[in-house]
Amino acid sequence: MEKQDFQQLKNEFANISEFLLALGDEKRQIIIMALLEQESCEGLRVTDLTELTHLSRPAVSHHLNILKQANIVAIRSEGTKNYYYFSNMIDSVKDMKKLNDHLFTLLEEKENDIKNNLHE
């Protein structure tokens, strides 16, 4: 692996590290799944997510905060009610795909190098 490839991979990891950390938690995955399963795009309230996920209200709020910091969810207020919905998560998913593709290519090259060295 060339130094340039290594630096690019390091930058790609750094760019989506917060996103990956947010996705890595099982409870946050449950919240994401609940948001994906809703039929409307209006969003869900903390009380809705509490019912759907069987998590406590403080736990849901805590995990929503982390998802919000990672730009996975956003909040829409309607009077005193707050609705959580997906924000511009597609950009982070695209960055994750780019990282995955780059990592796959580098690993494939590494594997080929190992095979070639074994056959010499």
PDB file of N, CA and C in Angstrom:
ATOM      1  N   MET A   1       0.861  -1.182   0.000  1.00  0.00           N
ATOM      2  CA  MET A   1       0.000   0.000   0.000  1.00  0.00           C
ATOM      3  C   MET A   1       0.900   1.236   0.000  1.00  0.00           C
ATOM      4  N   GLU A   2       0.633   2.125  -0.908  1.00  0.00           N
ATOM      5  CA  GLU A   2       1.416   3.348  -1.004  1.00  0.00           C
ATOM      6  C   GLU A   2       1.017   4.318   0.099  1.00  0.00           C
ATOM      7  N   LYS A   3       1.941   5.185   0.462  1.00  0.00           N
ATOM      8  CA  LYS A   3       1.711   6.148   1.538  1.00  0.00           C
ATOM      9  C   LYS A   3       0.490   7.031   1.248  1.00  0.00           C
ATOM     10  N   GLN A   4       0.308   7.383  -0.028  1.00  0.00           N
ATOM     11  CA  GLN A   4      -0.828   8.213  -0.452  1.00  0.00           C
ATOM     12  C   GLN A   4      -2.151   7.481  -0.200  1.00  0.00           C
ATOM     13  N   ASP A   5      -2.195   6.181  -0.522  1.00  0.00           N
ATOM     14  CA  ASP A   5      -3.401   5.382  -0.282  1.00  0.00           C
ATOM     15  C   ASP A   5      -3.701   5.288   1.204  1.00  0.00           C
ATOM     16  N   PHE A   6      -2.654   5.094   1.993  1.00  0.00           N
ATOM     17  CA  PHE A   6      -2.817   4.986   3.437  1.00  0.00           C
ATOM     18  C   PHE A   6      -3.382   6.288   4.013  1.00  0.00           C
ATOM     19  N   GLN A   7      -2.852   7.417   3.566  1.00  0.00           N
ATOM     20  CA  GLN A   7      -3.332   8.715   4.048  1.00  0.00           C
ATOM     21  C   GLN A   7      -4.776   8.956   3.631  1.00  0.00           C
ATOM     22  N   GLN A   8      -5.107   8.593   2.399  1.00  0.00           N
ATOM     23  CA  GLN A   8      -6.479   8.759   1.918  1.00  0.00           C
ATOM     24  C   GLN A   8      -7.442   7.899   2.744  1.00  0.00           C
ATOM     25  N   LEU A   9      -7.053   6.664   3.024  1.00  0.00           N
ATOM     26  CA  LEU A   9      -7.886   5.764   3.823  1.00  0.00           C
ATOM     27  C   LEU A   9      -8.054   6.316   5.245  1.00  0.00           C
ATOM     28  N   LYS A  10      -6.988   6.824   5.794  1.00  0.00           N
ATOM     29  CA  LYS A  10      -7.027   7.428   7.130  1.00  0.00           C
ATOM     30  C   LYS A  10      -7.999   8.609   7.160  1.00  0.00           C
ATOM     31  N   ASN A  11      -7.949   9.442   6.126  1.00  0.00           N
ATOM     32  CA  ASN A  11      -8.864  10.588   6.028  1.00  0.00           C
ATOM     33  C   ASN A  11     -10.310  10.140   5.871  1.00  0.00           C
ATOM     34  N   GLU A  12     -10.525   9.100   5.069  1.00  0.00           N
ATOM     35  CA  GLU A  12     -11.878   8.589   4.864  1.00  0.00           C
ATOM     36  C   GLU A  12     -12.460   8.052   6.176  1.00  0.00           C
ATOM     37  N   PHE A  13     -11.646   7.331   6.942  1.00  0.00           N
ATOM     38  CA  PHE A  13     -12.097   6.855   8.251  1.00  0.00           C
ATOM     39  C   PHE A  13     -12.432   8.031   9.169  1.00  0.00           C
ATOM     40  N   ALA A  14     -11.559   9.035   9.187  1.00  0.00           N
ATOM     41  CA  ALA A  14     -11.771  10.201  10.059  1.00  0.00           C
ATOM     42  C   ALA A  14     -13.046  10.949   9.691  1.00  0.00           C
ATOM     43  N   ASN A  15     -13.333  11.044   8.384  1.00  0.00           N
ATOM     44  CA  ASN A  15     -14.516  11.777   7.929  1.00  0.00           C
ATOM     45  C   ASN A  15     -15.829  11.148   8.380  1.00  0.00           C
ATOM     46  N   ILE A  16     -15.843   9.838   8.569  1.00  0.00           N
ATOM     47  CA  ILE A  16     -17.111   9.198   8.937  1.00  0.00           C
ATOM     48  C   ILE A  16     -17.057   8.500  10.291  1.00  0.00           C
ATOM     49  N   SER A  17     -16.031   8.785  11.094  1.00  0.00           N
ATOM     50  CA  SER A  17     -15.891   8.087  12.372  1.00  0.00           C
ATOM     51  C   SER A  17     -17.090   8.319  13.295  1.00  0.00           C
ATOM     52  N   GLU A  18     -17.568   9.542  13.376  1.00  0.00           N
ATOM     53  CA  GLU A  18     -18.720   9.842  14.235  1.00  0.00           C
ATOM     54  C   GLU A  18     -19.971   9.100  13.735  1.00  0.00           C
ATOM     55  N   PHE A  19     -20.127   9.044  12.435  1.00  0.00           N
ATOM     56  CA  PHE A  19     -21.241   8.323  11.831  1.00  0.00           C
ATOM     57  C   PHE A  19     -21.156   6.829  12.165  1.00  0.00           C
ATOM     58  N   LEU A  20     -19.953   6.253  12.009  1.00  0.00           N
ATOM     59  CA  LEU A  20     -19.770   4.829  12.294  1.00  0.00           C
ATOM     60  C   LEU A  20     -20.010   4.518  13.770  1.00  0.00           C
ATOM     61  N   LEU A  21     -19.530   5.385  14.648  1.00  0.00           N
ATOM     62  CA  LEU A  21     -19.756   5.179  16.083  1.00  0.00           C
ATOM     63  C   LEU A  21     -21.240   5.233  16.422  1.00  0.00           C
ATOM     64  N   ALA A  22     -21.947   6.162  15.801  1.00  0.00           N
ATOM     65  CA  ALA A  22     -23.384   6.287  16.050  1.00  0.00           C
ATOM     66  C   ALA A  22     -24.129   5.050  15.562  1.00  0.00           C
ATOM     67  N   LEU A  23     -23.725   4.517  14.426  1.00  0.00           N
ATOM     68  CA  LEU A  23     -24.375   3.326  13.864  1.00  0.00           C
ATOM     69  C   LEU A  23     -24.033   2.059  14.634  1.00  0.00           C
ATOM     70  N   GLY A  24     -22.905   2.070  15.327  1.00  0.00           N
ATOM     71  CA  GLY A  24     -22.402   0.864  15.957  1.00  0.00           C
ATOM     72  C   GLY A  24     -23.150   0.389  17.189  1.00  0.00           C
ATOM     73  N   ASP A  25     -23.987   1.232  17.751  1.00  0.00           N
ATOM     74  CA  ASP A  25     -24.701   0.860  18.969  1.00  0.00           C
ATOM     75  C   ASP A  25     -26.019   0.164  18.640  1.00  0.00           C
ATOM     76  N   GLU A  26     -26.266  -0.959  19.295  1.00  0.00           N
ATOM     77  CA  GLU A  26     -27.476  -1.746  19.035  1.00  0.00           C
ATOM     78  C   GLU A  26     -28.762  -0.962  19.302  1.00  0.00           C
ATOM     79  N   LYS A  27     -28.777  -0.170  20.350  1.00  0.00           N
ATOM     80  CA  LYS A  27     -29.983   0.590  20.690  1.00  0.00           C
ATOM     81  C   LYS A  27     -30.258   1.673  19.652  1.00  0.00           C
ATOM     82  N   ARG A  28     -29.198   2.283  19.153  1.00  0.00           N
ATOM     83  CA  ARG A  28     -29.379   3.283  18.097  1.00  0.00           C
ATOM     84  C   ARG A  28     -29.821   2.614  16.799  1.00  0.00           C
ATOM     85  N   GLN A  29     -29.351   1.404  16.564  1.00  0.00           N
ATOM     86  CA  GLN A  29     -29.802   0.663  15.390  1.00  0.00           C
ATOM     87  C   GLN A  29     -31.304   0.387  15.487  1.00  0.00           C
ATOM     88  N   ILE A  30     -31.784   0.100  16.688  1.00  0.00           N
ATOM     89  CA  ILE A  30     -33.221  -0.134  16.899  1.00  0.00           C
ATOM     90  C   ILE A  30     -34.010   1.137  16.585  1.00  0.00           C
ATOM     91  N   ILE A  31     -33.494   2.278  17.007  1.00  0.00           N
ATOM     92  CA  ILE A  31     -34.160   3.558  16.733  1.00  0.00           C
ATOM     93  C   ILE A  31     -34.166   3.836  15.233  1.00  0.00           C
ATOM     94  N   ILE A  32     -33.036   3.588  14.575  1.00  0.00           N
ATOM     95  CA  ILE A  32     -32.952   3.791  13.127  1.00  0.00           C
ATOM     96  C   ILE A  32     -33.960   2.895  12.415  1.00  0.00           C
ATOM     97  N   MET A  33     -34.046   1.644  12.843  1.00  0.00           N
ATOM     98  CA  MET A  33     -35.009   0.716  12.235  1.00  0.00           C
ATOM     99  C   MET A  33     -36.440   1.197  12.452  1.00  0.00           C
ATOM    100  N   ALA A  34     -36.736   1.715  13.639  1.00  0.00           N
ATOM    101  CA  ALA A  34     -38.085   2.228  13.917  1.00  0.00           C
ATOM    102  C   ALA A  34     -38.405   3.403  12.994  1.00  0.00           C
ATOM    103  N   LEU A  35     -37.436   4.285  12.768  1.00  0.00           N
ATOM    104  CA  LEU A  35     -37.649   5.420  11.861  1.00  0.00           C
ATOM    105  C   LEU A  35     -37.824   4.944  10.420  1.00  0.00           C
ATOM    106  N   LEU A  36     -37.078   3.919  10.044  1.00  0.00           N
ATOM    107  CA  LEU A  36     -37.204   3.370   8.683  1.00  0.00           C
ATOM    108  C   LEU A  36     -38.553   2.708   8.458  1.00  0.00           C
ATOM    109  N   GLU A  37     -39.104   2.096   9.506  1.00  0.00           N
ATOM    110  CA  GLU A  37     -40.355   1.353   9.365  1.00  0.00           C
ATOM    111  C   GLU A  37     -41.592   2.235   9.356  1.00  0.00           C
ATOM    112  N   GLN A  38     -41.462   3.490   9.771  1.00  0.00           N
ATOM    113  CA  GLN A  38     -42.648   4.344   9.794  1.00  0.00           C
ATOM    114  C   GLN A  38     -43.107   4.637   8.367  1.00  0.00           C
ATOM    115  N   GLU A  39     -44.392   4.700   8.197  1.00  0.00           N
ATOM    116  CA  GLU A  39     -44.947   4.880   6.854  1.00  0.00           C
ATOM    117  C   GLU A  39     -44.914   6.328   6.383  1.00  0.00           C
ATOM    118  N   SER A  40     -45.061   7.260   7.304  1.00  0.00           N
ATOM    119  CA  SER A  40     -45.022   8.671   6.901  1.00  0.00           C
ATOM    120  C   SER A  40     -43.615   9.204   7.102  1.00  0.00           C
ATOM    121  N   CYS A  41     -43.348  10.348   6.537  1.00  0.00           N
ATOM    122  CA  CYS A  41     -42.038  10.983   6.680  1.00  0.00           C
ATOM    123  C   CYS A  41     -42.084  12.117   7.695  1.00  0.00           C
ATOM    124  N   GLU A  42     -43.147  12.173   8.478  1.00  0.00           N
ATOM    125  CA  GLU A  42     -43.322  13.260   9.434  1.00  0.00           C
ATOM    126  C   GLU A  42     -42.364  13.169  10.611  1.00  0.00           C
ATOM    127  N   GLY A  43     -41.876  11.987  10.905  1.00  0.00           N
ATOM    128  CA  GLY A  43     -40.989  11.791  12.038  1.00  0.00           C
ATOM    129  C   GLY A  43     -41.723  11.174  13.211  1.00  0.00           C
ATOM    130  N   LEU A  44     -40.942  10.805  14.219  1.00  0.00           N
ATOM    131  CA  LEU A  44     -41.504  10.197  15.416  1.00  0.00           C
ATOM    132  C   LEU A  44     -41.092  10.991  16.638  1.00  0.00           C
ATOM    133  N   ARG A  45     -41.962  10.989  17.631  1.00  0.00           N
ATOM    134  CA  ARG A  45     -41.670  11.664  18.903  1.00  0.00           C
ATOM    135  C   ARG A  45     -40.954  10.687  19.823  1.00  0.00           C
ATOM    136  N   VAL A  46     -40.356  11.215  20.871  1.00  0.00           N
ATOM    137  CA  VAL A  46     -39.657  10.376  21.845  1.00  0.00           C
ATOM    138  C   VAL A  46     -40.617   9.340  22.419  1.00  0.00           C
ATOM    139  N   THR A  47     -41.853   9.765  22.700  1.00  0.00           N
ATOM    140  CA  THR A  47     -42.830   8.815  23.260  1.00  0.00           C
ATOM    141  C   THR A  47     -43.140   7.691  22.270  1.00  0.00           C
ATOM    142  N   ASP A  48     -43.210   8.011  20.982  1.00  0.00           N
ATOM    143  CA  ASP A  48     -43.430   6.984  19.956  1.00  0.00           C
ATOM    144  C   ASP A  48     -42.265   5.988  19.943  1.00  0.00           C
ATOM    145  N   LEU A  49     -41.060   6.535  19.975  1.00  0.00           N
ATOM    146  CA  LEU A  49     -39.875   5.683  19.934  1.00  0.00           C
ATOM    147  C   LEU A  49     -39.735   4.854  21.205  1.00  0.00           C
ATOM    148  N   THR A  50     -40.166   5.402  22.328  1.00  0.00           N
ATOM    149  CA  THR A  50     -40.150   4.655  23.592  1.00  0.00           C
ATOM    150  C   THR A  50     -41.041   3.426  23.478  1.00  0.00           C
ATOM    151  N   GLU A  51     -42.220   3.609  22.922  1.00  0.00           N
ATOM    152  CA  GLU A  51     -43.147   2.485  22.733  1.00  0.00           C
ATOM    153  C   GLU A  51     -42.608   1.464  21.740  1.00  0.00           C
ATOM    154  N   LEU A  52     -42.071   1.952  20.627  1.00  0.00           N
ATOM    155  CA  LEU A  52     -41.612   1.053  19.565  1.00  0.00           C
ATOM    156  C   LEU A  52     -40.347   0.280  19.934  1.00  0.00           C
ATOM    157  N   THR A  53     -39.479   0.904  20.707  1.00  0.00           N
ATOM    158  CA  THR A  53     -38.177   0.299  21.006  1.00  0.00           C
ATOM    159  C   THR A  53     -38.122  -0.372  22.377  1.00  0.00           C
ATOM    160  N   HIS A  54     -39.083  -0.070  23.231  1.00  0.00           N
ATOM    161  CA  HIS A  54     -39.106  -0.586  24.607  1.00  0.00           C
ATOM    162  C   HIS A  54     -37.913  -0.085  25.418  1.00  0.00           C
ATOM    163  N   LEU A  55     -37.398   1.072  25.039  1.00  0.00           N
ATOM    164  CA  LEU A  55     -36.334   1.723  25.793  1.00  0.00           C
ATOM    165  C   LEU A  55     -36.968   2.799  26.668  1.00  0.00           C
ATOM    166  N   SER A  56     -36.269   3.186  27.716  1.00  0.00           N
ATOM    167  CA  SER A  56     -36.796   4.249  28.577  1.00  0.00           C
ATOM    168  C   SER A  56     -36.730   5.586  27.843  1.00  0.00           C
ATOM    169  N   ARG A  57     -37.521   6.518  28.306  1.00  0.00           N
ATOM    170  CA  ARG A  57     -37.539   7.847  27.691  1.00  0.00           C
ATOM    171  C   ARG A  57     -36.156   8.507  27.736  1.00  0.00           C
ATOM    172  N   PRO A  58     -35.460   8.487  28.913  1.00  0.00           N
ATOM    173  CA  PRO A  58     -34.111   9.074  28.939  1.00  0.00           C
ATOM    174  C   PRO A  58     -33.134   8.373  27.988  1.00  0.00           C
ATOM    175  N   ALA A  59     -33.266   7.050  27.848  1.00  0.00           N
ATOM    176  CA  ALA A  59     -32.374   6.310  26.946  1.00  0.00           C
ATOM    177  C   ALA A  59     -32.621   6.713  25.501  1.00  0.00           C
ATOM    178  N   VAL A  60     -33.886   6.818  25.122  1.00  0.00           N
ATOM    179  CA  VAL A  60     -34.225   7.235  23.751  1.00  0.00           C
ATOM    180  C   VAL A  60     -33.685   8.634  23.492  1.00  0.00           C
ATOM    181  N   SER A  61     -33.887   9.551  24.438  1.00  0.00           N
ATOM    182  CA  SER A  61     -33.399  10.925  24.271  1.00  0.00           C
ATOM    183  C   SER A  61     -31.883  10.957  24.127  1.00  0.00           C
ATOM    184  N   HIS A  62     -31.198  10.180  24.935  1.00  0.00           N
ATOM    185  CA  HIS A  62     -29.734  10.113  24.880  1.00  0.00           C
ATOM    186  C   HIS A  62     -29.268   9.627  23.505  1.00  0.00           C
ATOM    187  N   HIS A  63     -29.866   8.548  23.031  1.00  0.00           N
ATOM    188  CA  HIS A  63     -29.460   7.986  21.739  1.00  0.00           C
ATOM    189  C   HIS A  63     -29.845   8.895  20.572  1.00  0.00           C
ATOM    190  N   LEU A  64     -30.969   9.562  20.681  1.00  0.00           N
ATOM    191  CA  LEU A  64     -31.364  10.528  19.641  1.00  0.00           C
ATOM    192  C   LEU A  64     -30.361  11.678  19.574  1.00  0.00           C
ATOM    193  N   ASN A  65     -29.867  12.104  20.727  1.00  0.00           N
ATOM    194  CA  ASN A  65     -28.854  13.169  20.772  1.00  0.00           C
ATOM    195  C   ASN A  65     -27.599  12.759  20.011  1.00  0.00           C
ATOM    196  N   ILE A  66     -27.155  11.528  20.224  1.00  0.00           N
ATOM    197  CA  ILE A  66     -25.963  11.031  19.524  1.00  0.00           C
ATOM    198  C   ILE A  66     -26.237  10.929  18.029  1.00  0.00           C
ATOM    199  N   LEU A  67     -27.410  10.432  17.664  1.00  0.00           N
ATOM    200  CA  LEU A  67     -27.778  10.346  16.248  1.00  0.00           C
ATOM    201  C   LEU A  67     -27.873  11.730  15.617  1.00  0.00           C
ATOM    202  N   LYS A  68     -28.332  12.695  16.390  1.00  0.00           N
ATOM    203  CA  LYS A  68     -28.424  14.072  15.895  1.00  0.00           C
ATOM    204  C   LYS A  68     -27.024  14.652  15.670  1.00  0.00           C
ATOM    205  N   GLN A  69     -26.107  14.418  16.607  1.00  0.00           N
ATOM    206  CA  GLN A  69     -24.731  14.918  16.470  1.00  0.00           C
ATOM    207  C   GLN A  69     -24.033  14.327  15.248  1.00  0.00           C
ATOM    208  N   ALA A  70     -24.404  13.095  14.904  1.00  0.00           N
ATOM    209  CA  ALA A  70     -23.802  12.427  13.745  1.00  0.00           C
ATOM    210  C   ALA A  70     -24.551  12.749  12.455  1.00  0.00           C
ATOM    211  N   ASN A  71     -25.489  13.685  12.517  1.00  0.00           N
ATOM    212  CA  ASN A  71     -26.297  14.090  11.354  1.00  0.00           C
ATOM    213  C   ASN A  71     -27.108  12.944  10.755  1.00  0.00           C
ATOM    214  N   ILE A  72     -27.546  12.032  11.594  1.00  0.00           N
ATOM    215  CA  ILE A  72     -28.383  10.938  11.137  1.00  0.00           C
ATOM    216  C   ILE A  72     -29.849  11.318  11.281  1.00  0.00           C
ATOM    217  N   VAL A  73     -30.172  11.997  12.362  1.00  0.00           N
ATOM    218  CA  VAL A  73     -31.541  12.482  12.555  1.00  0.00           C
ATOM    219  C   VAL A  73     -31.525  13.994  12.777  1.00  0.00           C
ATOM    220  N   ALA A  74     -32.661  14.588  12.537  1.00  0.00           N
ATOM    221  CA  ALA A  74     -32.877  16.009  12.802  1.00  0.00           C
ATOM    222  C   ALA A  74     -34.204  16.133  13.545  1.00  0.00           C
ATOM    223  N   ILE A  75     -34.460  17.327  14.059  1.00  0.00           N
ATOM    224  CA  ILE A  75     -35.683  17.564  14.832  1.00  0.00           C
ATOM    225  C   ILE A  75     -36.540  18.600  14.124  1.00  0.00           C
ATOM    226  N   ARG A  76     -37.829  18.317  14.109  1.00  0.00           N
ATOM    227  CA  ARG A  76     -38.814  19.270  13.599  1.00  0.00           C
ATOM    228  C   ARG A  76     -39.778  19.537  14.745  1.00  0.00           C
ATOM    229  N   SER A  77     -39.940  20.811  15.087  1.00  0.00           N
ATOM    230  CA  SER A  77     -40.847  21.180  16.177  1.00  0.00           C
ATOM    231  C   SER A  77     -42.187  21.616  15.631  1.00  0.00           C
ATOM    232  N   GLU A  78     -43.216  21.170  16.319  1.00  0.00           N
ATOM    233  CA  GLU A  78     -44.581  21.555  15.982  1.00  0.00           C
ATOM    234  C   GLU A  78     -45.248  21.942  17.299  1.00  0.00           C
ATOM    235  N   GLY A  79     -45.249  23.230  17.596  1.00  0.00           N
ATOM    236  CA  GLY A  79     -45.723  23.671  18.900  1.00  0.00           C
ATOM    237  C   GLY A  79     -44.771  23.176  19.972  1.00  0.00           C
ATOM    238  N   THR A  80     -45.280  22.397  20.922  1.00  0.00           N
ATOM    239  CA  THR A  80     -44.431  21.857  21.982  1.00  0.00           C
ATOM    240  C   THR A  80     -43.959  20.438  21.674  1.00  0.00           C
ATOM    241  N   LYS A  81     -44.331  19.934  20.516  1.00  0.00           N
ATOM    242  CA  LYS A  81     -43.972  18.565  20.142  1.00  0.00           C
ATOM    243  C   LYS A  81     -42.748  18.569  19.229  1.00  0.00           C
ATOM    244  N   ASN A  82     -41.817  17.654  19.505  1.00  0.00           N
ATOM    245  CA  ASN A  82     -40.625  17.496  18.672  1.00  0.00           C
ATOM    246  C   ASN A  82     -40.700  16.175  17.930  1.00  0.00           C
ATOM    247  N   TYR A  83     -40.464  16.231  16.632  1.00  0.00           N
ATOM    248  CA  TYR A  83     -40.482  15.043  15.791  1.00  0.00           C
ATOM    249  C   TYR A  83     -39.071  14.794  15.261  1.00  0.00           C
ATOM    250  N   TYR A  84     -38.624  13.552  15.372  1.00  0.00           N
ATOM    251  CA  TYR A  84     -37.306  13.158  14.887  1.00  0.00           C
ATOM    252  C   TYR A  84     -37.469  12.431  13.557  1.00  0.00           C
ATOM    253  N   TYR A  85     -36.630  12.780  12.614  1.00  0.00           N
ATOM    254  CA  TYR A  85     -36.675  12.200  11.276  1.00  0.00           C
ATOM    255  C   TYR A  85     -35.253  12.114  10.738  1.00  0.00           C
ATOM    256  N   PHE A  86     -35.066  11.372   9.666  1.00  0.00           N
ATOM    257  CA  PHE A  86     -33.739  11.262   9.064  1.00  0.00           C
ATOM    258  C   PHE A  86     -33.333  12.591   8.462  1.00  0.00           C
ATOM    259  N   SER A  87     -32.109  12.982   8.742  1.00  0.00           N
ATOM    260  CA  SER A  87     -31.590  14.196   8.117  1.00  0.00           C
ATOM    261  C   SER A  87     -30.852  13.781   6.856  1.00  0.00           C
ATOM    262  N   ASN A  88     -29.818  14.457   6.517  1.00  0.00           N
ATOM    263  CA  ASN A  88     -29.101  14.192   5.271  1.00  0.00           C
ATOM    264  C   ASN A  88     -28.137  13.019   5.439  1.00  0.00           C
ATOM    265  N   MET A  89     -28.655  11.900   5.871  1.00  0.00           N
ATOM    266  CA  MET A  89     -27.857  10.711   6.153  1.00  0.00           C
ATOM    267  C   MET A  89     -27.274  10.098   4.880  1.00  0.00           C
ATOM    268  N   ILE A  90     -27.862  10.358   3.754  1.00  0.00           N
ATOM    269  CA  ILE A  90     -27.435   9.745   2.494  1.00  0.00           C
ATOM    270  C   ILE A  90     -25.984  10.101   2.156  1.00  0.00           C
ATOM    271  N   ASP A  91     -25.558  11.318   2.494  1.00  0.00           N
ATOM    272  CA  ASP A  91     -24.170  11.717   2.228  1.00  0.00           C
ATOM    273  C   ASP A  91     -23.193  10.869   3.040  1.00  0.00           C
ATOM    274  N   SER A  92     -23.544  10.615   4.304  1.00  0.00           N
ATOM    275  CA  SER A  92     -22.681   9.781   5.147  1.00  0.00           C
ATOM    276  C   SER A  92     -22.648   8.342   4.646  1.00  0.00           C
ATOM    277  N   VAL A  93     -23.770   7.847   4.166  1.00  0.00           N
ATOM    278  CA  VAL A  93     -23.818   6.490   3.622  1.00  0.00           C
ATOM    279  C   VAL A  93     -22.960   6.414   2.357  1.00  0.00           C
ATOM    280  N   LYS A  94     -23.003   7.465   1.532  1.00  0.00           N
ATOM    281  CA  LYS A  94     -22.156   7.508   0.333  1.00  0.00           C
ATOM    282  C   LYS A  94     -20.677   7.506   0.723  1.00  0.00           C
ATOM    283  N   ASP A  95     -20.325   8.282   1.765  1.00  0.00           N
ATOM    284  CA  ASP A  95     -18.941   8.306   2.238  1.00  0.00           C
ATOM    285  C   ASP A  95     -18.521   6.945   2.776  1.00  0.00           C
ATOM    286  N   MET A  96     -19.443   6.267   3.454  1.00  0.00           N
ATOM    287  CA  MET A  96     -19.154   4.938   3.982  1.00  0.00           C
ATOM    288  C   MET A  96     -18.933   3.952   2.831  1.00  0.00           C
ATOM    289  N   LYS A  97     -19.735   4.071   1.783  1.00  0.00           N
ATOM    290  CA  LYS A  97     -19.577   3.202   0.612  1.00  0.00           C
ATOM    291  C   LYS A  97     -18.225   3.458  -0.065  1.00  0.00           C
ATOM    292  N   LYS A  98     -17.866   4.724  -0.168  1.00  0.00           N
ATOM    293  CA  LYS A  98     -16.584   5.084  -0.776  1.00  0.00           C
ATOM    294  C   LYS A  98     -15.429   4.485   0.034  1.00  0.00           C
ATOM    295  N   LEU A  99     -15.514   4.599   1.348  1.00  0.00           N
ATOM    296  CA  LEU A  99     -14.501   4.017   2.225  1.00  0.00           C
ATOM    297  C   LEU A  99     -14.458   2.501   2.043  1.00  0.00           C
ATOM    298  N   ASN A 100     -15.613   1.887   2.021  1.00  0.00           N
ATOM    299  CA  ASN A 100     -15.701   0.437   1.871  1.00  0.00           C
ATOM    300  C   ASN A 100     -15.086  -0.015   0.545  1.00  0.00           C
ATOM    301  N   ASP A 101     -15.402   0.695  -0.525  1.00  0.00           N
ATOM    302  CA  ASP A 101     -14.853   0.358  -1.845  1.00  0.00           C
ATOM    303  C   ASP A 101     -13.332   0.500  -1.868  1.00  0.00           C
ATOM    304  N   HIS A 102     -12.850   1.580  -1.280  1.00  0.00           N
ATOM    305  CA  HIS A 102     -11.409   1.834  -1.243  1.00  0.00           C
ATOM    306  C   HIS A 102     -10.708   0.756  -0.403  1.00  0.00           C
ATOM    307  N   LEU A 103     -11.279   0.457   0.739  1.00  0.00           N
ATOM    308  CA  LEU A 103     -10.717  -0.558   1.616  1.00  0.00           C
ATOM    309  C   LEU A 103     -10.706  -1.928   0.917  1.00  0.00           C
ATOM    310  N   PHE A 104     -11.787  -2.236   0.232  1.00  0.00           N
ATOM    311  CA  PHE A 104     -11.872  -3.503  -0.500  1.00  0.00           C
ATOM    312  C   PHE A 104     -10.773  -3.597  -1.555  1.00  0.00           C
ATOM    313  N   THR A 105     -10.580  -2.534  -2.301  1.00  0.00           N
ATOM    314  CA  THR A 105      -9.548  -2.516  -3.345  1.00  0.00           C
ATOM    315  C   THR A 105      -8.161  -2.728  -2.741  1.00  0.00           C
ATOM    316  N   LEU A 106      -7.881  -2.027  -1.652  1.00  0.00           N
ATOM    317  CA  LEU A 106      -6.565  -2.160  -1.015  1.00  0.00           C
ATOM    318  C   LEU A 106      -6.353  -3.552  -0.431  1.00  0.00           C
ATOM    319  N   LEU A 107      -7.390  -4.111   0.151  1.00  0.00           N
ATOM    320  CA  LEU A 107      -7.282  -5.466   0.709  1.00  0.00           C
ATOM    321  C   LEU A 107      -7.106  -6.505  -0.394  1.00  0.00           C
ATOM    322  N   GLU A 108      -7.786  -6.289  -1.499  1.00  0.00           N
ATOM    323  CA  GLU A 108      -7.655  -7.192  -2.640  1.00  0.00           C
ATOM    324  C   GLU A 108      -6.216  -7.154  -3.187  1.00  0.00           C
ATOM    325  N   GLU A 109      -5.649  -5.946  -3.279  1.00  0.00           N
ATOM    326  CA  GLU A 109      -4.263  -5.801  -3.739  1.00  0.00           C
ATOM    327  C   GLU A 109      -3.305  -6.499  -2.782  1.00  0.00           C
ATOM    328  N   LYS A 110      -3.548  -6.323  -1.499  1.00  0.00           N
ATOM    329  CA  LYS A 110      -2.700  -6.939  -0.474  1.00  0.00           C
ATOM    330  C   LYS A 110      -2.764  -8.463  -0.575  1.00  0.00           C
ATOM    331  N   GLU A 111      -3.967  -8.988  -0.750  1.00  0.00           N
ATOM    332  CA  GLU A 111      -4.151 -10.433  -0.886  1.00  0.00           C
ATOM    333  C   GLU A 111      -3.422 -10.959  -2.114  1.00  0.00           C
ATOM    334  N   ASN A 112      -3.507 -10.236  -3.225  1.00  0.00           N
ATOM    335  CA  ASN A 112      -2.803 -10.636  -4.451  1.00  0.00           C
ATOM    336  C   ASN A 112      -1.291 -10.616  -4.250  1.00  0.00           C
ATOM    337  N   ASP A 113      -0.792  -9.605  -3.529  1.00  0.00           N
ATOM    338  CA  ASP A 113       0.646  -9.536  -3.233  1.00  0.00           C
ATOM    339  C   ASP A 113       1.088 -10.749  -2.421  1.00  0.00           C
ATOM    340  N   ILE A 114       0.284 -11.123  -1.448  1.00  0.00           N
ATOM    341  CA  ILE A 114       0.619 -12.281  -0.607  1.00  0.00           C
ATOM    342  C   ILE A 114       0.637 -13.551  -1.441  1.00  0.00           C
ATOM    343  N   LYS A 115      -0.368 -13.726  -2.286  1.00  0.00           N
ATOM    344  CA  LYS A 115      -0.424 -14.911  -3.152  1.00  0.00           C
ATOM    345  C   LYS A 115       0.768 -14.952  -4.089  1.00  0.00           C
ATOM    346  N   ASN A 116       1.115 -13.810  -4.672  1.00  0.00           N
ATOM    347  CA  ASN A 116       2.263 -13.762  -5.582  1.00  0.00           C
ATOM    348  C   ASN A 116       3.570 -14.083  -4.871  1.00  0.00           C
ATOM    349  N   ASN A 117       3.737 -13.612  -3.651  1.00  0.00           N
ATOM    350  CA  ASN A 117       4.951 -13.894  -2.883  1.00  0.00           C
ATOM    351  C   ASN A 117       5.029 -15.360  -2.501  1.00  0.00           C
ATOM    352  N   LEU A 118       3.894 -16.014  -2.286  1.00  0.00           N
ATOM    353  CA  LEU A 118       3.903 -17.434  -1.935  1.00  0.00           C
ATOM    354  C   LEU A 118       4.274 -18.305  -3.125  1.00  0.00           C
ATOM    355  N   HIS A 119       3.957 -17.832  -4.319  1.00  0.00           N
ATOM    356  CA  HIS A 119       4.224 -18.624  -5.529  1.00  0.00           C
ATOM    357  C   HIS A 119       5.614 -18.353  -6.121  1.00  0.00           C
ATOM    358  N   GLU A 120       6.358 -17.465  -5.538  1.00  0.00           N
ATOM    359  CA  GLU A 120       7.716 -17.179  -6.073  1.00  0.00           C
ATOM    360  C   GLU A 120       8.742 -18.140  -5.539  1.00  0.00           C
TER     361      GLU A 120
END
